[in-house]
Amino acid sequence: MSESNNLPQSISHKKLYLLMLKAKKDLLSISESNNKESEELNEFLHDLDNLENIAKGIIKKVSSKNDKIFREKSSNSIMAIDAMEVHLNMVIQAINVFKNDKN
C-alpha cells in the first residue's frame, strides 16, 4: 500500500516517453517476437520454394514447344506463353537473390 502512495498523480507525455526509452526491454517479449518473425520467415521461404518449383515445372513444359498443348494455339498465344516464360525466369532469379542475401 505504501508503494502506491509514492506514485505521482500525473505525468507528462514527454516524461513518460523518456521513461519508456530508458526502460529495460522484456526478454520474454523479445524472444516471442523473434520466434514469430522466424516462423513467418520460414513460412515465406517455404512458399518461395514452392513457387520456384512450380515455375521451373512450367518452364520445362513451355520449353518443349512441340507438345500437344501448343500445336493448335495461335502465334499470339505462343508469344504470350514465351513472355510468361521470361517472367518466370525473372521470378526464379528474384527468389534466388532473396534466399542468398545474408543481411
N, C-alpha and C. Protein backbone atom coordinates (compact mmCIF):
# COMPACT_ATOMS: atom_id res chain seq x y z
N MET A 1 0.80 -1.20 0.00
CA MET A 1 0.00 0.00 0.00
C MET A 1 0.85 1.26 0.00
N SER A 2 1.93 1.23 0.75
CA SER A 2 2.77 2.43 0.83
C SER A 2 3.43 2.75 -0.51
N GLU A 3 3.62 1.71 -1.37
CA GLU A 3 4.21 1.94 -2.68
C GLU A 3 3.30 2.80 -3.55
N SER A 4 2.01 2.57 -3.47
CA SER A 4 1.08 3.34 -4.30
C SER A 4 1.00 4.80 -3.86
N ASN A 5 1.37 5.08 -2.59
CA ASN A 5 1.37 6.46 -2.12
C ASN A 5 2.51 7.25 -2.74
N ASN A 6 3.56 6.56 -3.22
CA ASN A 6 4.72 7.24 -3.80
C ASN A 6 4.54 7.55 -5.29
N LEU A 7 3.48 7.05 -5.89
CA LEU A 7 3.24 7.27 -7.32
C LEU A 7 2.77 8.70 -7.56
N PRO A 8 3.25 9.31 -8.65
CA PRO A 8 2.81 10.68 -8.94
C PRO A 8 1.35 10.68 -9.39
N GLN A 9 0.68 11.77 -9.19
CA GLN A 9 -0.72 11.92 -9.59
C GLN A 9 -0.86 12.02 -11.11
N SER A 10 0.15 12.59 -11.75
CA SER A 10 0.11 12.72 -13.20
C SER A 10 1.54 12.73 -13.73
N ILE A 11 1.65 12.52 -15.05
CA ILE A 11 2.96 12.52 -15.69
C ILE A 11 2.76 13.05 -17.11
N SER A 12 3.70 13.82 -17.58
CA SER A 12 3.59 14.37 -18.94
C SER A 12 3.93 13.29 -19.97
N HIS A 13 3.46 13.49 -21.17
CA HIS A 13 3.76 12.55 -22.25
C HIS A 13 5.26 12.50 -22.51
N LYS A 14 5.89 13.65 -22.44
CA LYS A 14 7.33 13.73 -22.69
C LYS A 14 8.10 12.93 -21.64
N LYS A 15 7.72 13.09 -20.37
CA LYS A 15 8.41 12.37 -19.30
C LYS A 15 8.15 10.86 -19.41
N LEU A 16 6.92 10.50 -19.75
CA LEU A 16 6.59 9.09 -19.93
C LEU A 16 7.38 8.49 -21.08
N TYR A 17 7.49 9.23 -22.17
CA TYR A 17 8.27 8.77 -23.33
C TYR A 17 9.73 8.55 -22.95
N LEU A 18 10.31 9.48 -22.20
CA LEU A 18 11.70 9.34 -21.78
C LEU A 18 11.89 8.13 -20.86
N LEU A 19 10.91 7.90 -19.98
CA LEU A 19 10.99 6.72 -19.11
C LEU A 19 10.92 5.43 -19.93
N MET A 20 10.07 5.42 -20.96
CA MET A 20 9.94 4.23 -21.81
C MET A 20 11.23 3.97 -22.58
N LEU A 21 11.90 5.02 -23.01
CA LEU A 21 13.16 4.86 -23.73
C LEU A 21 14.24 4.25 -22.84
N LYS A 22 14.24 4.64 -21.56
CA LYS A 22 15.26 4.16 -20.63
C LYS A 22 14.93 2.79 -20.04
N ALA A 23 13.69 2.35 -20.16
CA ALA A 23 13.26 1.10 -19.54
C ALA A 23 13.95 -0.08 -20.22
N LYS A 24 14.26 -1.09 -19.43
CA LYS A 24 14.85 -2.31 -19.97
C LYS A 24 13.80 -3.08 -20.75
N LYS A 25 14.24 -3.70 -21.83
CA LYS A 25 13.33 -4.49 -22.65
C LYS A 25 13.02 -5.80 -21.95
N ASP A 26 11.79 -6.25 -22.09
CA ASP A 26 11.37 -7.52 -21.53
C ASP A 26 11.92 -8.64 -22.41
N LEU A 27 12.80 -9.45 -21.86
CA LEU A 27 13.44 -10.51 -22.64
C LEU A 27 12.44 -11.51 -23.19
N LEU A 28 11.38 -11.79 -22.44
CA LEU A 28 10.38 -12.75 -22.89
C LEU A 28 9.67 -12.23 -24.13
N SER A 29 9.30 -10.96 -24.15
CA SER A 29 8.59 -10.42 -25.30
C SER A 29 9.51 -10.36 -26.52
N ILE A 30 10.80 -10.07 -26.30
CA ILE A 30 11.76 -10.05 -27.42
C ILE A 30 11.89 -11.45 -28.00
N SER A 31 11.98 -12.44 -27.14
CA SER A 31 12.12 -13.83 -27.59
C SER A 31 10.89 -14.26 -28.37
N GLU A 32 9.70 -13.93 -27.86
CA GLU A 32 8.46 -14.28 -28.56
C GLU A 32 8.39 -13.59 -29.90
N SER A 33 8.81 -12.33 -29.95
CA SER A 33 8.79 -11.57 -31.19
C SER A 33 9.75 -12.18 -32.21
N ASN A 34 10.94 -12.55 -31.75
CA ASN A 34 11.93 -13.17 -32.64
C ASN A 34 11.43 -14.51 -33.15
N ASN A 35 10.78 -15.29 -32.28
CA ASN A 35 10.25 -16.59 -32.70
C ASN A 35 9.17 -16.41 -33.76
N LYS A 36 8.30 -15.42 -33.57
CA LYS A 36 7.23 -15.18 -34.53
C LYS A 36 7.81 -14.73 -35.87
N GLU A 37 8.80 -13.83 -35.82
CA GLU A 37 9.44 -13.37 -37.06
C GLU A 37 10.14 -14.52 -37.77
N SER A 38 10.80 -15.38 -36.99
CA SER A 38 11.49 -16.52 -37.57
C SER A 38 10.49 -17.49 -38.20
N GLU A 39 9.37 -17.68 -37.53
CA GLU A 39 8.33 -18.57 -38.05
C GLU A 39 7.75 -18.00 -39.35
N GLU A 40 7.50 -16.69 -39.37
CA GLU A 40 6.98 -16.05 -40.58
C GLU A 40 7.97 -16.14 -41.73
N LEU A 41 9.26 -15.95 -41.42
CA LEU A 41 10.29 -16.05 -42.45
C LEU A 41 10.36 -17.46 -43.00
N ASN A 42 10.32 -18.46 -42.12
CA ASN A 42 10.36 -19.85 -42.57
C ASN A 42 9.17 -20.19 -43.46
N GLU A 43 7.99 -19.69 -43.09
CA GLU A 43 6.80 -19.93 -43.90
C GLU A 43 6.94 -19.26 -45.26
N PHE A 44 7.47 -18.03 -45.26
CA PHE A 44 7.67 -17.31 -46.53
C PHE A 44 8.68 -18.03 -47.41
N LEU A 45 9.78 -18.49 -46.82
CA LEU A 45 10.79 -19.23 -47.60
C LEU A 45 10.21 -20.52 -48.15
N HIS A 46 9.35 -21.17 -47.39
CA HIS A 46 8.69 -22.39 -47.87
C HIS A 46 7.80 -22.07 -49.07
N ASP A 47 7.05 -20.96 -48.98
CA ASP A 47 6.21 -20.54 -50.11
C ASP A 47 7.06 -20.20 -51.33
N LEU A 48 8.21 -19.54 -51.10
CA LEU A 48 9.11 -19.23 -52.22
C LEU A 48 9.65 -20.49 -52.87
N ASP A 49 9.98 -21.50 -52.05
CA ASP A 49 10.44 -22.78 -52.59
C ASP A 49 9.37 -23.42 -53.47
N ASN A 50 8.12 -23.38 -52.99
CA ASN A 50 7.01 -23.94 -53.78
C ASN A 50 6.85 -23.19 -55.09
N LEU A 51 6.90 -21.85 -55.03
CA LEU A 51 6.77 -21.04 -56.23
C LEU A 51 7.90 -21.34 -57.21
N GLU A 52 9.12 -21.48 -56.70
CA GLU A 52 10.26 -21.78 -57.56
C GLU A 52 10.08 -23.13 -58.26
N ASN A 53 9.64 -24.14 -57.52
CA ASN A 53 9.42 -25.46 -58.10
C ASN A 53 8.33 -25.44 -59.17
N ILE A 54 7.24 -24.72 -58.89
CA ILE A 54 6.16 -24.62 -59.87
C ILE A 54 6.64 -23.88 -61.11
N ALA A 55 7.37 -22.78 -60.91
CA ALA A 55 7.87 -22.01 -62.06
C ALA A 55 8.81 -22.85 -62.91
N LYS A 56 9.68 -23.61 -62.27
CA LYS A 56 10.60 -24.48 -63.03
C LYS A 56 9.84 -25.55 -63.80
N GLY A 57 8.80 -26.09 -63.21
CA GLY A 57 7.98 -27.10 -63.89
C GLY A 57 7.28 -26.52 -65.11
N ILE A 58 6.74 -25.33 -64.97
CA ILE A 58 6.06 -24.68 -66.09
C ILE A 58 7.06 -24.35 -67.19
N ILE A 59 8.23 -23.84 -66.81
CA ILE A 59 9.25 -23.52 -67.81
C ILE A 59 9.66 -24.77 -68.58
N LYS A 60 9.79 -25.87 -67.88
CA LYS A 60 10.17 -27.13 -68.53
C LYS A 60 9.12 -27.55 -69.55
N LYS A 61 7.85 -27.39 -69.19
CA LYS A 61 6.77 -27.75 -70.13
C LYS A 61 6.71 -26.78 -71.31
N VAL A 62 6.92 -25.50 -71.04
CA VAL A 62 6.84 -24.49 -72.10
C VAL A 62 8.01 -24.64 -73.07
N SER A 63 9.15 -25.03 -72.57
CA SER A 63 10.33 -25.13 -73.44
C SER A 63 10.22 -26.29 -74.42
N SER A 64 9.34 -27.23 -74.18
CA SER A 64 9.12 -28.31 -75.15
C SER A 64 7.94 -27.92 -76.03
N LYS A 65 8.16 -26.97 -76.93
CA LYS A 65 7.11 -26.35 -77.74
C LYS A 65 6.38 -27.35 -78.66
N ASN A 66 6.91 -28.50 -78.88
CA ASN A 66 6.25 -29.46 -79.77
C ASN A 66 5.19 -30.27 -79.04
N ASP A 67 4.91 -29.90 -77.81
CA ASP A 67 3.91 -30.60 -77.02
C ASP A 67 2.52 -30.40 -77.63
N LYS A 68 1.62 -31.31 -77.37
CA LYS A 68 0.26 -31.24 -77.93
C LYS A 68 -0.49 -29.98 -77.51
N ILE A 69 -0.21 -29.46 -76.33
CA ILE A 69 -0.96 -28.30 -75.85
C ILE A 69 -0.67 -27.04 -76.67
N PHE A 70 0.43 -27.02 -77.42
CA PHE A 70 0.80 -25.83 -78.19
C PHE A 70 0.49 -25.98 -79.68
N ARG A 71 0.18 -27.13 -80.14
CA ARG A 71 0.01 -27.36 -81.58
C ARG A 71 -1.12 -26.56 -82.19
N GLU A 72 -2.22 -26.41 -81.48
CA GLU A 72 -3.39 -25.75 -82.05
C GLU A 72 -3.53 -24.31 -81.58
N LYS A 73 -2.50 -23.74 -81.00
CA LYS A 73 -2.57 -22.37 -80.49
C LYS A 73 -2.08 -21.38 -81.53
N SER A 74 -2.59 -20.17 -81.45
CA SER A 74 -2.21 -19.11 -82.41
C SER A 74 -0.81 -18.60 -82.06
N SER A 75 -0.24 -17.84 -83.00
CA SER A 75 1.09 -17.29 -82.77
C SER A 75 1.06 -16.28 -81.61
N ASN A 76 -0.04 -15.54 -81.47
CA ASN A 76 -0.16 -14.60 -80.34
C ASN A 76 -0.15 -15.35 -79.01
N SER A 77 -0.82 -16.46 -78.98
CA SER A 77 -0.87 -17.27 -77.76
C SER A 77 0.51 -17.81 -77.42
N ILE A 78 1.23 -18.25 -78.41
CA ILE A 78 2.58 -18.77 -78.20
C ILE A 78 3.51 -17.65 -77.72
N MET A 79 3.37 -16.44 -78.32
CA MET A 79 4.20 -15.31 -77.88
C MET A 79 3.89 -14.94 -76.43
N ALA A 80 2.62 -15.03 -76.04
CA ALA A 80 2.25 -14.73 -74.66
C ALA A 80 2.87 -15.74 -73.70
N ILE A 81 2.88 -16.99 -74.09
CA ILE A 81 3.49 -18.03 -73.25
C ILE A 81 5.00 -17.80 -73.16
N ASP A 82 5.62 -17.39 -74.27
CA ASP A 82 7.06 -17.08 -74.24
C ASP A 82 7.35 -15.93 -73.29
N ALA A 83 6.49 -14.91 -73.30
CA ALA A 83 6.66 -13.78 -72.39
C ALA A 83 6.51 -14.25 -70.94
N MET A 84 5.56 -15.14 -70.70
CA MET A 84 5.38 -15.69 -69.36
C MET A 84 6.62 -16.46 -68.92
N GLU A 85 7.22 -17.18 -69.85
CA GLU A 85 8.44 -17.94 -69.54
C GLU A 85 9.56 -16.99 -69.08
N VAL A 86 9.70 -15.87 -69.77
CA VAL A 86 10.70 -14.87 -69.40
C VAL A 86 10.43 -14.36 -67.99
N HIS A 87 9.17 -14.06 -67.69
CA HIS A 87 8.82 -13.56 -66.37
C HIS A 87 9.04 -14.62 -65.29
N LEU A 88 8.76 -15.86 -65.60
CA LEU A 88 9.01 -16.93 -64.63
C LEU A 88 10.50 -17.07 -64.34
N ASN A 89 11.33 -16.90 -65.37
CA ASN A 89 12.78 -16.92 -65.14
C ASN A 89 13.21 -15.77 -64.24
N MET A 90 12.58 -14.60 -64.42
CA MET A 90 12.89 -13.47 -63.53
C MET A 90 12.42 -13.76 -62.10
N VAL A 91 11.29 -14.44 -61.96
CA VAL A 91 10.80 -14.82 -60.63
C VAL A 91 11.82 -15.73 -59.94
N ILE A 92 12.34 -16.69 -60.67
CA ILE A 92 13.32 -17.62 -60.10
C ILE A 92 14.59 -16.87 -59.70
N GLN A 93 15.04 -15.94 -60.54
CA GLN A 93 16.22 -15.15 -60.20
C GLN A 93 15.98 -14.30 -58.96
N ALA A 94 14.80 -13.70 -58.85
CA ALA A 94 14.48 -12.87 -57.69
C ALA A 94 14.43 -13.71 -56.42
N ILE A 95 13.87 -14.89 -56.51
CA ILE A 95 13.82 -15.79 -55.35
C ILE A 95 15.23 -16.15 -54.90
N ASN A 96 16.09 -16.46 -55.85
CA ASN A 96 17.46 -16.83 -55.50
C ASN A 96 18.22 -15.66 -54.87
N VAL A 97 18.01 -14.46 -55.37
CA VAL A 97 18.66 -13.29 -54.77
C VAL A 97 18.18 -13.12 -53.34
N PHE A 98 16.87 -13.24 -53.11
CA PHE A 98 16.34 -13.08 -51.76
C PHE A 98 16.87 -14.16 -50.82
N LYS A 99 16.91 -15.40 -51.28
CA LYS A 99 17.33 -16.50 -50.42
C LYS A 99 18.84 -16.44 -50.14
N ASN A 100 19.62 -15.90 -51.06
CA ASN A 100 21.08 -15.85 -50.87
C ASN A 100 21.56 -14.58 -50.18
N ASP A 101 20.65 -13.65 -49.89
CA ASP A 101 21.01 -12.40 -49.21
C ASP A 101 21.30 -12.73 -47.74
N LYS A 102 22.51 -12.41 -47.30
CA LYS A 102 22.95 -12.74 -45.95
C LYS A 102 22.52 -11.71 -44.91
N ASN A 103 22.03 -10.56 -45.33
CA ASN A 103 21.66 -9.50 -44.38
C ASN A 103 20.36 -9.79 -43.75
